[in-house]
Amino acid sequence: MNHEFTQDTELKVVVSDLTYVRTQNNWHYICVLVDLFNREIIGQSSDPRKRFSSSSKSVRFG
């Protein structure tokens, strides 16, 4: 990407972030999908296991 974080077309570049947070006695993973065109969150999920599939299924491209 050459650090081109400003895009002129919707859904041309989608980035993700996976992080984890501690809850009372365990950890939860949070995945967020962001469209770089308008910085809109287009998908998200949280799960006690680290997996991306549940957030990617919630987004329809095209």
Foldseek 3Di string as FASTA:
>chain_A
DVPPLEDQDWPPDKDKDWDWDDDDDAIKIKMWIATSHVRDTQFIDIDRDDDDVVGVVSHDDD
